[in-house]
Amino acid sequence: MPYSAISDLPDNVRNVLPKHAQEIYKEACNSALEQYKHDNKRDGNESQEEAAHKVAWSAVKKAGYSKGDDGTWHENSKE
């Protein structure tokens, strides 16, 4: 199911990501849901939703966020 707003994201995403990272997650997840709607585009027995959430977490990491010791995600310093 595509997410129309960040408020629609699962709690385990909203509770640990800053707002900008939530926006990245939402857009990446929605794009991947469309891309992986056919089984032949996914690995193994992975569901469309599982594949999309993996892509979304990867996009957050690529955007420069990482999980802190407190369990929440923070933007990496740009030094």
N, C-alpha and C. Protein backbone atom coordinates (compact mmCIF):
# COMPACT_ATOMS: atom_id res chain seq x y z
N MET A 1 0.84 -1.17 0.00
CA MET A 1 0.00 0.00 0.00
C MET A 1 0.89 1.24 0.00
N PRO A 2 0.75 2.11 -0.97
CA PRO A 2 1.54 3.35 -0.99
C PRO A 2 1.14 4.26 0.18
N TYR A 3 2.11 5.04 0.62
CA TYR A 3 1.89 5.98 1.72
C TYR A 3 1.66 7.37 1.15
N SER A 4 0.53 7.98 1.49
CA SER A 4 0.24 9.31 0.95
C SER A 4 0.85 10.42 1.81
N ALA A 5 1.14 10.12 3.07
CA ALA A 5 1.73 11.12 3.97
C ALA A 5 2.66 10.41 4.96
N ILE A 6 3.60 11.15 5.53
CA ILE A 6 4.50 10.50 6.49
C ILE A 6 3.74 10.03 7.74
N SER A 7 2.61 10.63 8.00
CA SER A 7 1.80 10.18 9.15
C SER A 7 1.23 8.79 8.92
N ASP A 8 1.23 8.33 7.67
CA ASP A 8 0.75 6.99 7.35
C ASP A 8 1.82 5.91 7.51
N LEU A 9 3.06 6.32 7.69
CA LEU A 9 4.16 5.35 7.83
C LEU A 9 3.97 4.52 9.10
N PRO A 10 4.52 3.31 9.12
CA PRO A 10 4.42 2.49 10.34
C PRO A 10 5.08 3.18 11.53
N ASP A 11 4.58 2.90 12.72
CA ASP A 11 5.13 3.49 13.94
C ASP A 11 6.63 3.23 14.08
N ASN A 12 7.08 2.03 13.70
CA ASN A 12 8.50 1.71 13.87
C ASN A 12 9.39 2.53 12.93
N VAL A 13 8.81 3.21 11.99
CA VAL A 13 9.55 4.13 11.13
C VAL A 13 9.43 5.55 11.69
N ARG A 14 8.21 5.98 11.95
CA ARG A 14 7.99 7.35 12.44
C ARG A 14 8.65 7.62 13.78
N ASN A 15 8.72 6.62 14.63
CA ASN A 15 9.26 6.82 15.98
C ASN A 15 10.78 6.89 16.04
N VAL A 16 11.45 6.53 14.94
CA VAL A 16 12.92 6.50 15.00
C VAL A 16 13.61 7.39 13.97
N LEU A 17 12.86 7.89 12.99
CA LEU A 17 13.47 8.72 11.95
C LEU A 17 13.08 10.18 12.10
N PRO A 18 14.04 11.10 11.86
CA PRO A 18 13.68 12.51 11.80
C PRO A 18 12.77 12.77 10.60
N LYS A 19 12.10 13.90 10.59
CA LYS A 19 11.09 14.19 9.56
C LYS A 19 11.65 14.08 8.14
N HIS A 20 12.80 14.65 7.88
CA HIS A 20 13.36 14.60 6.53
C HIS A 20 13.62 13.16 6.11
N ALA A 21 14.13 12.35 7.02
CA ALA A 21 14.39 10.94 6.71
C ALA A 21 13.07 10.19 6.49
N GLN A 22 12.02 10.59 7.18
CA GLN A 22 10.70 9.97 6.96
C GLN A 22 10.21 10.27 5.55
N GLU A 23 10.46 11.48 5.09
CA GLU A 23 10.05 11.86 3.73
C GLU A 23 10.81 11.03 2.70
N ILE A 24 12.11 10.84 2.93
CA ILE A 24 12.92 10.01 2.04
C ILE A 24 12.39 8.59 2.05
N TYR A 25 12.13 8.08 3.23
CA TYR A 25 11.62 6.71 3.38
C TYR A 25 10.31 6.53 2.61
N LYS A 26 9.40 7.47 2.79
CA LYS A 26 8.08 7.38 2.13
C LYS A 26 8.22 7.35 0.62
N GLU A 27 9.01 8.26 0.08
CA GLU A 27 9.16 8.33 -1.37
C GLU A 27 9.84 7.08 -1.93
N ALA A 28 10.87 6.61 -1.25
CA ALA A 28 11.58 5.41 -1.71
C ALA A 28 10.68 4.18 -1.61
N CYS A 29 9.94 4.08 -0.54
CA CYS A 29 9.04 2.93 -0.34
C CYS A 29 7.95 2.92 -1.41
N ASN A 30 7.34 4.07 -1.66
CA ASN A 30 6.29 4.15 -2.68
C ASN A 30 6.83 3.79 -4.06
N SER A 31 8.01 4.27 -4.38
CA SER A 31 8.62 3.96 -5.67
C SER A 31 8.90 2.46 -5.79
N ALA A 32 9.43 1.88 -4.72
CA ALA A 32 9.75 0.44 -4.74
C ALA A 32 8.48 -0.41 -4.78
N LEU A 33 7.42 0.02 -4.13
CA LEU A 33 6.17 -0.72 -4.20
C LEU A 33 5.70 -0.83 -5.64
N GLU A 34 5.85 0.24 -6.38
CA GLU A 34 5.49 0.23 -7.80
C GLU A 34 6.45 -0.66 -8.59
N GLN A 35 7.72 -0.50 -8.34
CA GLN A 35 8.74 -1.25 -9.09
C GLN A 35 8.65 -2.75 -8.85
N TYR A 36 8.35 -3.15 -7.63
CA TYR A 36 8.36 -4.57 -7.27
C TYR A 36 6.98 -5.20 -7.22
N LYS A 37 6.02 -4.65 -7.94
CA LYS A 37 4.68 -5.23 -7.86
C LYS A 37 4.58 -6.58 -8.56
N HIS A 38 5.54 -6.90 -9.41
CA HIS A 38 5.55 -8.21 -10.07
C HIS A 38 6.61 -9.11 -9.42
N ASP A 39 6.24 -10.36 -9.14
CA ASP A 39 7.12 -11.30 -8.46
C ASP A 39 8.48 -11.46 -9.11
N ASN A 40 8.56 -11.41 -10.43
CA ASN A 40 9.82 -11.67 -11.11
C ASN A 40 10.86 -10.58 -10.89
N LYS A 41 10.49 -9.47 -10.26
CA LYS A 41 11.44 -8.40 -9.98
C LYS A 41 12.01 -8.49 -8.56
N ARG A 42 11.49 -9.42 -7.76
CA ARG A 42 11.91 -9.56 -6.36
C ARG A 42 12.80 -10.77 -6.17
N ASP A 43 13.61 -10.74 -5.11
CA ASP A 43 14.46 -11.87 -4.76
C ASP A 43 13.67 -12.93 -4.00
N GLY A 44 13.86 -14.17 -4.38
CA GLY A 44 13.29 -15.30 -3.63
C GLY A 44 11.82 -15.18 -3.36
N ASN A 45 11.44 -15.45 -2.12
CA ASN A 45 10.04 -15.42 -1.71
C ASN A 45 9.65 -14.11 -1.04
N GLU A 46 10.46 -13.10 -1.22
CA GLU A 46 10.23 -11.81 -0.59
C GLU A 46 8.93 -11.18 -1.12
N SER A 47 8.13 -10.65 -0.19
CA SER A 47 6.90 -9.99 -0.61
C SER A 47 7.22 -8.60 -1.17
N GLN A 48 6.26 -8.05 -1.85
CA GLN A 48 6.39 -6.69 -2.40
C GLN A 48 6.68 -5.70 -1.28
N GLU A 49 5.96 -5.85 -0.19
CA GLU A 49 6.12 -4.93 0.94
C GLU A 49 7.51 -5.07 1.58
N GLU A 50 7.98 -6.31 1.77
CA GLU A 50 9.31 -6.53 2.34
C GLU A 50 10.39 -5.88 1.47
N ALA A 51 10.30 -6.10 0.17
CA ALA A 51 11.28 -5.52 -0.75
C ALA A 51 11.25 -3.99 -0.69
N ALA A 52 10.06 -3.42 -0.66
CA ALA A 52 9.92 -1.96 -0.64
C ALA A 52 10.50 -1.36 0.63
N HIS A 53 10.29 -2.01 1.77
CA HIS A 53 10.82 -1.47 3.03
C HIS A 53 12.35 -1.59 3.06
N LYS A 54 12.90 -2.64 2.49
CA LYS A 54 14.36 -2.76 2.41
C LYS A 54 14.94 -1.62 1.57
N VAL A 55 14.30 -1.34 0.45
CA VAL A 55 14.74 -0.24 -0.41
C VAL A 55 14.65 1.08 0.34
N ALA A 56 13.57 1.28 1.07
CA ALA A 56 13.37 2.54 1.80
C ALA A 56 14.44 2.75 2.87
N TRP A 57 14.75 1.70 3.64
CA TRP A 57 15.81 1.82 4.65
C TRP A 57 17.15 2.11 3.99
N SER A 58 17.41 1.48 2.88
CA SER A 58 18.65 1.71 2.15
C SER A 58 18.74 3.17 1.67
N ALA A 59 17.63 3.71 1.21
CA ALA A 59 17.60 5.11 0.76
C ALA A 59 17.90 6.06 1.90
N VAL A 60 17.37 5.76 3.08
CA VAL A 60 17.64 6.60 4.26
C VAL A 60 19.14 6.57 4.58
N LYS A 61 19.73 5.39 4.53
CA LYS A 61 21.17 5.26 4.80
C LYS A 61 21.98 6.02 3.74
N LYS A 62 21.61 5.87 2.48
CA LYS A 62 22.32 6.57 1.39
C LYS A 62 22.21 8.08 1.51
N ALA A 63 21.11 8.54 2.10
CA ALA A 63 20.90 9.98 2.27
C ALA A 63 21.73 10.54 3.42
N GLY A 64 22.45 9.67 4.13
CA GLY A 64 23.35 10.16 5.18
C GLY A 64 22.84 10.02 6.59
N TYR A 65 21.94 9.10 6.82
CA TYR A 65 21.42 8.87 8.16
C TYR A 65 21.94 7.53 8.68
N SER A 66 22.15 7.46 9.99
CA SER A 66 22.56 6.19 10.59
C SER A 66 21.90 6.07 11.97
N LYS A 67 21.81 4.83 12.41
CA LYS A 67 21.15 4.54 13.69
C LYS A 67 22.11 4.83 14.83
N GLY A 68 21.65 5.61 15.79
CA GLY A 68 22.47 5.96 16.94
C GLY A 68 22.34 4.94 18.07
N ASP A 69 23.16 5.10 19.08
CA ASP A 69 23.14 4.20 20.24
C ASP A 69 21.79 4.22 20.96
N ASP A 70 21.04 5.31 20.78
CA ASP A 70 19.74 5.44 21.44
C ASP A 70 18.61 4.77 20.66
N GLY A 71 18.96 4.17 19.49
CA GLY A 71 17.96 3.47 18.69
C GLY A 71 17.26 4.35 17.67
N THR A 72 17.48 5.66 17.73
CA THR A 72 16.90 6.54 16.73
C THR A 72 17.96 6.86 15.67
N TRP A 73 17.49 7.35 14.55
CA TRP A 73 18.37 7.64 13.43
C TRP A 73 18.70 9.13 13.41
N HIS A 74 19.95 9.42 13.07
CA HIS A 74 20.44 10.79 13.05
C HIS A 74 21.19 11.04 11.75
N GLU A 75 21.17 12.29 11.31
CA GLU A 75 21.93 12.64 10.12
C GLU A 75 23.41 12.62 10.47
N ASN A 76 24.20 11.98 9.62
CA ASN A 76 25.64 11.93 9.84
C ASN A 76 26.23 13.33 9.67
N SER A 77 27.29 13.62 10.40
CA SER A 77 27.93 14.92 10.26
C SER A 77 28.56 15.03 8.88
N LYS A 78 28.59 16.23 8.35
CA LYS A 78 29.05 16.45 6.98
C LYS A 78 30.49 16.91 6.93
N GLU A 79 31.29 16.48 7.87
CA GLU A 79 32.70 16.90 7.93
C GLU A 79 33.49 16.26 6.83
